[in-house]
Structure formats: structure tokens, C-alpha cells
């Protein structure tokens, strides 16, 4: 199929939405994926990044009437939307990480409940926490974010990961221990 001009693609979003979106995704998905990864790759799993890329394209479709090609190309518009949405999501995730309360489950995984709670509350600002999360492997980071950011239970996470509840709880316990060690390294 011959590639469409920006004007044709934007017009198709109204006349044949599924074809217009398909054309946009075929032309620009790798660019959007790259932008999202550069902004959110340290805080989201690859599945979450792919979902966020889809969200970017759905937002562009919702706001298709705002696309003004006299101000620039469709590529420029899409990249700007992807960057802004990614930055907003990063800020939202950071503010959420910063205010997530210490739960009993975190405290139970540490051998010294008082010490870990004190150390986390006292010395680990949001930047250090985000950096430490970024140093974990994707599965550990994903489990921690799903549990404490998205408030999913270990049973819900197990379903998402095609795993058992016990395996998720064990992985979460180990991931929290790794996170604790990374954060204590940062403090020394």
C-alpha cells in the first residue's frame, strides 16, 4: 500500500477511523515506542510501555479535531503528544511512589521491621527510590509497582503473570530485599 500524506491520514481518522488509526500506528508506532521508553523505561515494564503506546494513539484519536497541520507535520504532532504524555505519566508515577505508605507486607519482608521502616521513611527520597527501582530487573520492578503503585494483590499479579500466588509473594519478598539493599547502598 502506498503511504498516505499527513492530510489524508488525518482525514481518514474521521471517514474511516480504524484504517486511519492503523495507518498512524504503522507509520509512527516505533517512534512513539522509542519516546515512551526513553521517558518511562526505568519505571514501567515492557508490557506497560506497550499499553501506554496504545494509550497515546487513542488519545491522539480522541483529539483528532485539534490536529493542525498548518503548524507542523503529523509526525511532529504525534511526537509532541507522546513526549508530553510520557512526562506527565513519569511525574504521576513519581508523586505516587513518593507518597506510597509503608505497609505491613513490606515490613514483614525485612528482618528488622523497625530499622527498615525507619530507614525508608528517613532517608530515601523519591529520586533514590526511582533509581533503585530502575536497577531491578523488569519482573521485580513490575511486581513491586503492581503491588504498591497499582494496589494489586499477589493473587491478581499471579493471574497477570501466569504464576502462582505463592511464587509471586516469594518473588515480591526477594525483590523488596533487593530494593532495600540498593537503597542502603545509596545511603552509604
N, C-alpha and C. Protein backbone atom coordinates (compact mmCIF):
# COMPACT_ATOMS: atom_id res chain seq x y z
N UNK A 1 0.85 -1.19 0.00
CA UNK A 1 0.00 0.00 0.00
C UNK A 1 0.88 1.25 0.00
N UNK A 2 0.52 2.19 -0.83
CA UNK A 2 1.25 3.45 -0.93
C UNK A 2 1.03 4.25 0.34
N UNK A 3 2.09 4.94 0.80
CA UNK A 3 1.95 5.69 2.04
C UNK A 3 1.10 6.93 1.79
N UNK A 4 0.37 7.29 2.83
CA UNK A 4 -0.58 8.40 2.74
C UNK A 4 0.10 9.68 3.22
N UNK A 5 -0.43 10.80 2.74
CA UNK A 5 0.07 12.09 3.23
C UNK A 5 -0.53 12.34 4.61
N UNK A 6 0.04 13.30 5.31
CA UNK A 6 -0.48 13.66 6.63
C UNK A 6 -1.95 14.05 6.54
N UNK A 7 -2.29 14.88 5.54
CA UNK A 7 -3.69 15.33 5.39
C UNK A 7 -4.62 14.15 5.14
N UNK A 8 -4.19 13.19 4.34
CA UNK A 8 -5.03 12.02 4.06
C UNK A 8 -5.22 11.17 5.31
N UNK A 9 -4.15 11.02 6.08
CA UNK A 9 -4.24 10.22 7.31
C UNK A 9 -5.19 10.88 8.30
N UNK A 10 -5.05 12.18 8.49
CA UNK A 10 -5.92 12.90 9.43
C UNK A 10 -7.37 12.85 8.96
N UNK A 11 -7.60 13.02 7.66
CA UNK A 11 -8.95 12.94 7.12
C UNK A 11 -9.53 11.54 7.33
N UNK A 12 -8.70 10.53 7.19
CA UNK A 12 -9.17 9.16 7.34
C UNK A 12 -9.56 8.86 8.79
N UNK A 13 -9.00 9.57 9.77
CA UNK A 13 -9.39 9.37 11.15
C UNK A 13 -10.88 9.65 11.35
N UNK A 14 -11.45 10.52 10.52
CA UNK A 14 -12.88 10.79 10.58
C UNK A 14 -13.69 9.88 9.66
N UNK A 15 -13.22 9.72 8.43
CA UNK A 15 -14.01 8.97 7.45
C UNK A 15 -13.94 7.45 7.64
N UNK A 16 -12.80 6.95 8.06
CA UNK A 16 -12.62 5.51 8.28
C UNK A 16 -11.67 5.34 9.46
N UNK A 17 -12.18 5.52 10.69
CA UNK A 17 -11.32 5.56 11.87
C UNK A 17 -10.37 4.37 12.02
N UNK A 18 -10.87 3.16 11.80
CA UNK A 18 -9.99 2.00 12.02
C UNK A 18 -8.83 2.01 11.03
N UNK A 19 -9.06 2.39 9.79
CA UNK A 19 -7.99 2.45 8.79
C UNK A 19 -7.04 3.63 9.09
N UNK A 20 -7.59 4.76 9.52
CA UNK A 20 -6.76 5.91 9.86
C UNK A 20 -5.83 5.61 11.03
N UNK A 21 -6.37 4.96 12.05
CA UNK A 21 -5.55 4.60 13.21
C UNK A 21 -4.50 3.58 12.80
N UNK A 22 -4.90 2.58 12.00
CA UNK A 22 -3.95 1.57 11.53
C UNK A 22 -2.80 2.23 10.77
N UNK A 23 -3.14 3.18 9.92
CA UNK A 23 -2.11 3.88 9.14
C UNK A 23 -1.17 4.66 10.06
N UNK A 24 -1.74 5.34 11.04
CA UNK A 24 -0.92 6.09 12.00
C UNK A 24 0.00 5.16 12.78
N UNK A 25 -0.54 4.07 13.26
CA UNK A 25 0.25 3.12 14.05
C UNK A 25 1.36 2.52 13.18
N UNK A 26 1.02 2.13 11.94
CA UNK A 26 2.05 1.56 11.05
C UNK A 26 3.18 2.55 10.80
N UNK A 27 2.84 3.81 10.66
CA UNK A 27 3.85 4.82 10.34
C UNK A 27 4.64 5.31 11.54
N UNK A 28 4.01 5.38 12.71
CA UNK A 28 4.64 6.08 13.83
C UNK A 28 4.80 5.29 15.12
N UNK A 29 4.40 4.02 15.15
CA UNK A 29 4.46 3.29 16.43
C UNK A 29 5.89 3.12 16.94
N UNK A 30 6.84 2.88 16.06
CA UNK A 30 8.22 2.71 16.56
C UNK A 30 8.75 4.02 17.13
N UNK A 31 8.40 5.14 16.54
CA UNK A 31 8.83 6.43 17.07
C UNK A 31 8.20 6.66 18.46
N UNK A 32 6.90 6.40 18.58
CA UNK A 32 6.22 6.60 19.86
C UNK A 32 6.79 5.65 20.91
N UNK A 33 7.03 4.41 20.52
CA UNK A 33 7.60 3.44 21.45
C UNK A 33 8.97 3.92 21.97
N UNK A 34 9.78 4.44 21.08
CA UNK A 34 11.10 4.95 21.46
C UNK A 34 10.98 6.11 22.43
N UNK A 35 10.06 7.01 22.17
CA UNK A 35 9.86 8.18 23.05
C UNK A 35 9.39 7.71 24.42
N UNK A 36 8.39 6.83 24.45
CA UNK A 36 7.86 6.34 25.72
C UNK A 36 8.94 5.60 26.51
N UNK A 37 9.70 4.76 25.83
CA UNK A 37 10.79 4.02 26.51
C UNK A 37 11.82 4.98 27.11
N UNK A 38 12.14 6.04 26.38
CA UNK A 38 13.15 6.97 26.88
C UNK A 38 12.69 7.68 28.14
N UNK A 39 11.40 7.89 28.28
CA UNK A 39 10.87 8.60 29.45
C UNK A 39 10.45 7.66 30.57
N UNK A 40 9.94 6.46 30.21
CA UNK A 40 9.32 5.59 31.21
C UNK A 40 9.96 4.21 31.32
N UNK A 41 11.01 3.98 30.55
CA UNK A 41 11.63 2.66 30.54
C UNK A 41 12.15 2.20 31.88
N UNK A 42 12.50 3.13 32.75
CA UNK A 42 13.02 2.76 34.06
C UNK A 42 11.94 2.51 35.10
N UNK A 43 10.70 2.86 34.77
CA UNK A 43 9.64 2.72 35.78
C UNK A 43 8.48 1.83 35.33
N UNK A 44 8.43 1.45 34.06
CA UNK A 44 7.35 0.59 33.58
C UNK A 44 7.92 -0.67 32.95
N UNK A 45 7.16 -1.74 33.03
CA UNK A 45 7.54 -2.98 32.36
C UNK A 45 7.31 -2.81 30.86
N UNK A 46 7.86 -3.72 30.07
CA UNK A 46 7.68 -3.62 28.61
C UNK A 46 6.21 -3.76 28.23
N UNK A 47 5.46 -4.60 28.95
CA UNK A 47 4.03 -4.72 28.67
C UNK A 47 3.30 -3.40 28.97
N UNK A 48 3.67 -2.77 30.07
CA UNK A 48 3.05 -1.49 30.43
C UNK A 48 3.43 -0.40 29.42
N UNK A 49 4.65 -0.46 28.91
CA UNK A 49 5.07 0.52 27.90
C UNK A 49 4.24 0.34 26.64
N UNK A 50 4.05 -0.91 26.20
CA UNK A 50 3.24 -1.17 25.02
C UNK A 50 1.81 -0.69 25.22
N UNK A 51 1.28 -0.91 26.42
CA UNK A 51 -0.07 -0.43 26.72
C UNK A 51 -0.12 1.10 26.69
N UNK A 52 0.93 1.74 27.20
CA UNK A 52 0.98 3.19 27.20
C UNK A 52 1.07 3.74 25.78
N UNK A 53 1.83 3.06 24.90
CA UNK A 53 1.91 3.47 23.49
C UNK A 53 0.51 3.43 22.88
N UNK A 54 -0.25 2.38 23.16
CA UNK A 54 -1.63 2.29 22.66
C UNK A 54 -2.47 3.44 23.20
N UNK A 55 -2.24 3.77 24.47
CA UNK A 55 -2.97 4.88 25.08
C UNK A 55 -2.65 6.20 24.38
N UNK A 56 -1.39 6.39 23.98
CA UNK A 56 -1.00 7.61 23.25
C UNK A 56 -1.80 7.70 21.96
N UNK A 57 -1.87 6.60 21.21
CA UNK A 57 -2.60 6.63 19.94
C UNK A 57 -4.10 6.84 20.16
N UNK A 58 -4.64 6.28 21.23
CA UNK A 58 -6.07 6.51 21.49
C UNK A 58 -6.32 7.96 21.86
N UNK A 59 -5.39 8.57 22.60
CA UNK A 59 -5.52 10.00 22.95
C UNK A 59 -5.46 10.87 21.69
N UNK A 60 -4.56 10.53 20.77
CA UNK A 60 -4.45 11.28 19.52
C UNK A 60 -5.76 11.16 18.75
N UNK A 61 -6.33 9.97 18.71
CA UNK A 61 -7.61 9.80 18.02
C UNK A 61 -8.70 10.63 18.69
N UNK A 62 -8.77 10.59 20.02
CA UNK A 62 -9.78 11.36 20.75
C UNK A 62 -9.68 12.85 20.44
N UNK A 63 -8.45 13.32 20.23
CA UNK A 63 -8.21 14.75 20.00
C UNK A 63 -7.89 15.06 18.54
N UNK A 64 -8.38 14.23 17.64
CA UNK A 64 -8.07 14.38 16.21
C UNK A 64 -8.51 15.72 15.65
N UNK A 65 -9.52 16.33 16.22
CA UNK A 65 -10.00 17.64 15.75
C UNK A 65 -9.01 18.76 16.07
N UNK A 66 -8.11 18.51 17.03
CA UNK A 66 -7.12 19.51 17.42
C UNK A 66 -5.86 19.48 16.55
N UNK A 67 -5.74 18.48 15.69
CA UNK A 67 -4.54 18.37 14.85
C UNK A 67 -4.57 19.48 13.81
N UNK A 68 -3.55 20.34 13.85
CA UNK A 68 -3.45 21.47 12.94
C UNK A 68 -2.17 21.32 12.13
N UNK A 69 -2.31 20.79 10.92
CA UNK A 69 -1.14 20.53 10.08
C UNK A 69 -0.51 21.80 9.52
N UNK A 70 -1.19 22.94 9.67
CA UNK A 70 -0.58 24.19 9.24
C UNK A 70 0.55 24.61 10.20
N UNK A 71 0.55 24.01 11.39
CA UNK A 71 1.58 24.34 12.39
C UNK A 71 2.74 23.35 12.36
N UNK A 72 2.61 22.27 11.61
CA UNK A 72 3.69 21.29 11.55
C UNK A 72 3.18 19.96 11.01
N UNK A 73 4.06 18.99 10.99
CA UNK A 73 3.73 17.68 10.44
C UNK A 73 2.98 16.82 11.45
N UNK A 74 2.36 15.78 10.94
CA UNK A 74 1.69 14.81 11.80
C UNK A 74 2.71 14.12 12.70
N UNK A 75 3.87 13.82 12.16
CA UNK A 75 4.95 13.21 12.93
C UNK A 75 5.33 14.10 14.12
N UNK A 76 5.46 15.39 13.88
CA UNK A 76 5.79 16.33 14.95
C UNK A 76 4.71 16.39 16.01
N UNK A 77 3.45 16.39 15.56
CA UNK A 77 2.32 16.42 16.49
C UNK A 77 2.32 15.16 17.37
N UNK A 78 2.46 14.00 16.71
CA UNK A 78 2.43 12.74 17.44
C UNK A 78 3.60 12.66 18.43
N UNK A 79 4.79 13.08 18.01
CA UNK A 79 5.94 13.01 18.92
C UNK A 79 5.76 13.95 20.11
N UNK A 80 5.17 15.11 19.87
CA UNK A 80 4.93 16.06 20.97
C UNK A 80 3.93 15.48 21.97
N UNK A 81 2.85 14.89 21.46
CA UNK A 81 1.85 14.28 22.34
C UNK A 81 2.49 13.14 23.14
N UNK A 82 3.27 12.30 22.48
CA UNK A 82 3.92 11.17 23.17
C UNK A 82 4.86 11.66 24.26
N UNK A 83 5.66 12.69 23.96
CA UNK A 83 6.59 13.23 24.96
C UNK A 83 5.84 13.81 26.16
N UNK A 84 4.83 14.62 25.87
CA UNK A 84 4.09 15.27 26.97
C UNK A 84 3.37 14.25 27.84
N UNK A 85 2.73 13.26 27.20
CA UNK A 85 2.02 12.24 27.96
C UNK A 85 3.00 11.42 28.80
N UNK A 86 4.16 11.10 28.23
CA UNK A 86 5.16 10.31 28.95
C UNK A 86 5.70 11.08 30.15
N UNK A 87 5.97 12.35 29.96
CA UNK A 87 6.45 13.19 31.07
C UNK A 87 5.40 13.29 32.16
N UNK A 88 4.15 13.50 31.76
CA UNK A 88 3.07 13.57 32.75
C UNK A 88 2.95 12.25 33.52
N UNK A 89 3.05 11.13 32.80
CA UNK A 89 2.97 9.82 33.46
C UNK A 89 4.14 9.62 34.41
N UNK A 90 5.33 10.02 33.99
CA UNK A 90 6.50 9.90 34.85
C UNK A 90 6.29 10.71 36.14
N UNK A 91 5.81 11.92 35.98
CA UNK A 91 5.55 12.77 37.16
C UNK A 91 4.49 12.14 38.06
N UNK A 92 3.46 11.59 37.43
CA UNK A 92 2.39 10.95 38.20
C UNK A 92 2.94 9.74 38.97
N UNK A 93 3.75 8.93 38.31
CA UNK A 93 4.35 7.77 38.96
C UNK A 93 5.28 8.20 40.08
N UNK A 94 6.07 9.23 39.85
CA UNK A 94 6.99 9.72 40.88
C UNK A 94 6.25 10.25 42.09
N UNK A 95 5.20 10.99 41.87
CA UNK A 95 4.47 11.53 43.01
C UNK A 95 3.79 10.41 43.78
N UNK A 96 3.37 9.38 43.06
CA UNK A 96 2.74 8.23 43.71
C UNK A 96 3.76 7.43 44.52
N UNK A 97 4.94 7.21 43.93
CA UNK A 97 5.98 6.47 44.63
C UNK A 97 6.37 7.21 45.90
N UNK A 98 6.44 8.53 45.80
CA UNK A 98 6.86 9.36 46.92
C UNK A 98 5.89 9.25 48.08
N UNK A 99 4.60 9.11 47.80
CA UNK A 99 3.61 9.14 48.87
C UNK A 99 3.08 7.76 49.25
N UNK A 100 3.61 6.70 48.64
CA UNK A 100 3.14 5.37 48.99
C UNK A 100 3.51 5.06 50.43
N UNK A 101 2.52 4.71 51.24
CA UNK A 101 2.83 4.45 52.64
C UNK A 101 3.54 3.11 52.81
N UNK A 102 4.28 3.00 53.89
CA UNK A 102 4.91 1.74 54.24
C UNK A 102 3.81 0.80 54.72
N UNK A 103 3.74 -0.37 54.13
CA UNK A 103 2.68 -1.32 54.52
C UNK A 103 3.26 -2.42 55.37
N UNK A 104 2.39 -3.16 56.01
CA UNK A 104 2.82 -4.28 56.83
C UNK A 104 3.55 -5.32 56.00
N UNK A 105 3.12 -5.51 54.74
CA UNK A 105 3.75 -6.52 53.92
C UNK A 105 5.22 -6.19 53.66
N UNK A 106 5.54 -4.91 53.42
CA UNK A 106 6.94 -4.53 53.25
C UNK A 106 7.69 -4.79 54.55
N UNK A 107 7.10 -4.37 55.64
CA UNK A 107 7.77 -4.51 56.93
C UNK A 107 8.02 -5.98 57.27
N UNK A 108 7.08 -6.87 56.92
CA UNK A 108 7.23 -8.29 57.23
C UNK A 108 8.40 -8.90 56.47
N UNK A 109 8.71 -8.39 55.29
CA UNK A 109 9.79 -8.98 54.49
C UNK A 109 11.16 -8.64 55.04
N UNK A 110 11.25 -7.62 55.82
CA UNK A 110 12.55 -7.23 56.38
C UNK A 110 12.77 -7.94 57.70
N UNK A 111 14.00 -8.29 57.98
CA UNK A 111 14.28 -8.97 59.24
C UNK A 111 14.17 -8.00 60.41
N UNK A 112 14.46 -6.77 60.19
CA UNK A 112 14.40 -5.79 61.25
C UNK A 112 13.34 -4.75 60.89
N UNK A 113 12.11 -5.04 61.27
CA UNK A 113 10.95 -4.20 60.93
C UNK A 113 11.18 -2.73 61.26
N UNK A 114 11.59 -2.45 62.46
CA UNK A 114 11.78 -1.06 62.88
C UNK A 114 12.85 -0.37 62.05
N UNK A 115 13.95 -1.06 61.82
CA UNK A 115 15.07 -0.49 61.10
C UNK A 115 14.70 -0.17 59.65
N UNK A 116 14.06 -1.11 58.96
CA UNK A 116 13.74 -0.88 57.55
C UNK A 116 12.72 0.25 57.41
N UNK A 117 11.70 0.25 58.23
CA UNK A 117 10.70 1.31 58.15
C UNK A 117 11.34 2.67 58.44
N UNK A 118 12.16 2.74 59.45
CA UNK A 118 12.84 3.97 59.79
C UNK A 118 13.74 4.43 58.65
N UNK A 119 14.53 3.50 58.11
CA UNK A 119 15.46 3.85 57.03
C UNK A 119 14.73 4.34 55.79
N UNK A 120 13.66 3.68 55.41
CA UNK A 120 12.92 4.09 54.21
C UNK A 120 12.29 5.45 54.42
N UNK A 121 11.59 5.62 55.53
CA UNK A 121 10.92 6.89 55.78
C UNK A 121 11.90 8.04 55.96
N UNK A 122 13.05 7.77 56.56
CA UNK A 122 14.01 8.81 56.88
C UNK A 122 14.85 9.25 55.69
N UNK A 123 15.36 8.28 54.93
CA UNK A 123 16.45 8.65 54.06
C UNK A 123 16.27 8.44 52.57
N UNK A 124 15.20 7.87 52.12
CA UNK A 124 15.10 7.57 50.70
C UNK A 124 14.09 8.47 50.02
N UNK A 125 14.60 9.48 49.39
CA UNK A 125 13.72 10.38 48.66
C UNK A 125 13.25 9.71 47.38
N UNK A 126 12.32 10.35 46.70
CA UNK A 126 11.72 9.74 45.51
C UNK A 126 12.74 9.46 44.41
N UNK A 127 13.72 10.29 44.24
CA UNK A 127 14.70 10.06 43.18
C UNK A 127 15.50 8.79 43.45
N UNK A 128 15.93 8.62 44.67
CA UNK A 128 16.69 7.43 45.02
C UNK A 128 15.84 6.18 44.83
N UNK A 129 14.58 6.25 45.19
CA UNK A 129 13.68 5.11 45.04
C UNK A 129 13.47 4.77 43.57
N UNK A 130 13.24 5.79 42.74
CA UNK A 130 13.04 5.56 41.32
C UNK A 130 14.32 4.98 40.70
N UNK A 131 15.47 5.52 41.08
CA UNK A 131 16.74 4.99 40.57
C UNK A 131 16.95 3.54 40.99
N UNK A 132 16.64 3.23 42.24
CA UNK A 132 16.80 1.86 42.72
C UNK A 132 15.83 0.92 42.00
N UNK A 133 14.60 1.36 41.80
CA UNK A 133 13.65 0.54 41.05
C UNK A 133 14.16 0.29 39.64
N UNK A 134 14.77 1.28 39.04
CA UNK A 134 15.32 1.15 37.70
C UNK A 134 16.46 0.15 37.62
N UNK A 135 17.12 -0.09 38.72
CA UNK A 135 18.23 -1.05 38.75
C UNK A 135 17.76 -2.49 38.95
N UNK A 136 16.51 -2.67 39.35
CA UNK A 136 15.95 -4.02 39.47
C UNK A 136 15.64 -4.56 38.09
N UNK A 137 15.56 -5.89 37.97
CA UNK A 137 15.15 -6.42 36.67
C UNK A 137 13.66 -6.13 36.46
N UNK A 138 13.23 -6.23 35.22
CA UNK A 138 11.88 -5.80 34.86
C UNK A 138 10.80 -6.55 35.64
N UNK A 139 10.98 -7.84 35.85
CA UNK A 139 9.96 -8.62 36.56
C UNK A 139 9.83 -8.15 37.99
N UNK A 140 10.96 -7.96 38.68
CA UNK A 140 10.91 -7.48 40.06
C UNK A 140 10.28 -6.09 40.14
N UNK A 141 10.69 -5.21 39.24
CA UNK A 141 10.15 -3.84 39.22
C UNK A 141 8.65 -3.88 38.97
N UNK A 142 8.25 -4.71 38.02
CA UNK A 142 6.83 -4.82 37.68
C UNK A 142 6.01 -5.29 38.87
N UNK A 143 6.49 -6.33 39.54
CA UNK A 143 5.75 -6.86 40.70
C UNK A 143 5.63 -5.79 41.79
N UNK A 144 6.71 -5.10 42.07
CA UNK A 144 6.66 -4.05 43.11
C UNK A 144 5.69 -2.95 42.71
N UNK A 145 5.76 -2.49 41.47
CA UNK A 145 4.86 -1.41 41.02
C UNK A 145 3.41 -1.87 41.03
N UNK A 146 3.16 -3.08 40.54
CA UNK A 146 1.78 -3.58 40.56
C UNK A 146 1.25 -3.68 41.98
N UNK A 147 2.10 -4.13 42.89
CA UNK A 147 1.64 -4.33 44.27
C UNK A 147 1.45 -3.01 45.00
N UNK A 148 2.43 -2.13 44.92
CA UNK A 148 2.38 -0.92 45.75
C UNK A 148 1.93 0.33 45.02
N UNK A 149 2.02 0.34 43.71
CA UNK A 149 1.54 1.51 42.98
C UNK A 149 0.10 1.29 42.52
N UNK A 150 -0.13 0.12 41.93
CA UNK A 150 -1.47 -0.17 41.42
C UNK A 150 -2.33 -0.90 42.44
N UNK A 151 -1.79 -1.16 43.62
CA UNK A 151 -2.52 -1.80 44.72
C UNK A 151 -3.14 -3.14 44.34
N UNK A 152 -2.44 -3.91 43.50
CA UNK A 152 -2.92 -5.24 43.15
C UNK A 152 -2.48 -6.23 44.23
N UNK A 153 -3.32 -7.21 44.47
CA UNK A 153 -2.95 -8.26 45.41
C UNK A 153 -2.00 -9.23 44.73
N UNK A 154 -1.33 -10.03 45.53
CA UNK A 154 -0.42 -11.02 44.93
C UNK A 154 -1.20 -12.02 44.07
N UNK A 155 -2.44 -12.30 44.42
CA UNK A 155 -3.27 -13.20 43.60
C UNK A 155 -3.57 -12.57 42.24
N UNK A 156 -3.87 -11.27 42.22
CA UNK A 156 -4.13 -10.58 40.95
C UNK A 156 -2.87 -10.55 40.09
N UNK A 157 -1.72 -10.30 40.72
CA UNK A 157 -0.46 -10.27 39.99
C UNK A 157 -0.17 -11.65 39.42
N UNK A 158 -0.44 -12.68 40.21
CA UNK A 158 -0.20 -14.06 39.76
C UNK A 158 -0.99 -14.36 38.49
N UNK A 159 -2.22 -13.90 38.42
CA UNK A 159 -3.03 -14.10 37.22
C UNK A 159 -2.39 -13.39 36.03
N UNK A 160 -1.96 -12.14 36.23
CA UNK A 160 -1.32 -11.36 35.16
C UNK A 160 -0.05 -12.02 34.66
N UNK A 161 0.68 -12.67 35.56
CA UNK A 161 1.98 -13.23 35.21
C UNK A 161 1.94 -14.73 34.91
N UNK A 162 0.73 -15.30 34.92
CA UNK A 162 0.58 -16.75 34.74
C UNK A 162 1.47 -17.52 35.72
N UNK A 163 1.35 -17.17 36.97
CA UNK A 163 2.16 -17.75 38.02
C UNK A 163 1.26 -18.09 39.20
N UNK A 164 1.84 -18.65 40.24
CA UNK A 164 1.05 -18.95 41.44
C UNK A 164 1.16 -17.77 42.42
N UNK A 165 0.18 -17.69 43.28
CA UNK A 165 0.16 -16.65 44.31
C UNK A 165 1.41 -16.77 45.19
N UNK A 166 1.75 -17.98 45.58
CA UNK A 166 2.93 -18.20 46.44
C UNK A 166 4.21 -17.77 45.74
N UNK A 167 4.33 -18.06 44.44
CA UNK A 167 5.54 -17.67 43.69
C UNK A 167 5.65 -16.15 43.61
N UNK A 168 4.53 -15.47 43.42
CA UNK A 168 4.55 -14.01 43.36
C UNK A 168 4.94 -13.44 44.71
N UNK A 169 4.39 -13.97 45.79
CA UNK A 169 4.74 -13.46 47.11
C UNK A 169 6.23 -13.67 47.41
N UNK A 170 6.76 -14.81 47.02
CA UNK A 170 8.19 -15.08 47.23
C UNK A 170 9.03 -14.13 46.39
N UNK A 171 8.63 -13.93 45.13
CA UNK A 171 9.38 -13.02 44.24
C UNK A 171 9.30 -11.59 44.78
N UNK A 172 8.13 -11.20 45.28
CA UNK A 172 7.96 -9.87 45.86
C UNK A 172 8.87 -9.70 47.08
N UNK A 173 8.91 -10.70 47.93
CA UNK A 173 9.76 -10.65 49.11
C UNK A 173 11.22 -10.47 48.72
N UNK A 174 11.67 -11.23 47.74
CA UNK A 174 13.06 -11.13 47.28
C UNK A 174 13.32 -9.78 46.61
N UNK A 175 12.35 -9.32 45.83
CA UNK A 175 12.50 -8.03 45.14
C UNK A 175 12.60 -6.89 46.15
N UNK A 176 11.80 -6.96 47.20
CA UNK A 176 11.85 -5.92 48.23
C UNK A 176 13.18 -5.95 48.97
N UNK A 177 13.71 -7.14 49.18
CA UNK A 177 15.03 -7.25 49.83
C UNK A 177 16.10 -6.63 48.93
N UNK A 178 16.04 -6.92 47.62
CA UNK A 178 17.00 -6.32 46.68
C UNK A 178 16.86 -4.80 46.70
N UNK A 179 15.62 -4.32 46.70
CA UNK A 179 15.37 -2.89 46.72
C UNK A 179 15.94 -2.27 48.00
N UNK A 180 15.73 -2.95 49.12
CA UNK A 180 16.27 -2.46 50.39
C UNK A 180 17.79 -2.36 50.33
N UNK A 181 18.43 -3.37 49.76
CA UNK A 181 19.89 -3.35 49.64
C UNK A 181 20.36 -2.22 48.73
N UNK A 182 19.66 -2.04 47.60
CA UNK A 182 20.04 -0.95 46.69
C UNK A 182 19.89 0.41 47.35
N UNK A 183 18.82 0.56 48.12
CA UNK A 183 18.60 1.83 48.80
C UNK A 183 19.63 2.05 49.92
N UNK A 184 20.01 0.97 50.61
CA UNK A 184 21.02 1.15 51.67
C UNK A 184 22.39 1.45 51.07
N UNK A 185 22.70 0.89 49.89
CA UNK A 185 23.95 1.25 49.19
C UNK A 185 23.97 2.73 48.87
N UNK A 186 22.85 3.24 48.43
CA UNK A 186 22.74 4.64 48.04
C UNK A 186 23.00 5.55 49.24
N UNK A 187 22.64 5.07 50.42
CA UNK A 187 22.78 5.89 51.63
C UNK A 187 24.18 5.84 52.24
N UNK A 188 25.00 4.90 51.82
CA UNK A 188 26.33 4.81 52.43
C UNK A 188 27.36 5.56 51.64
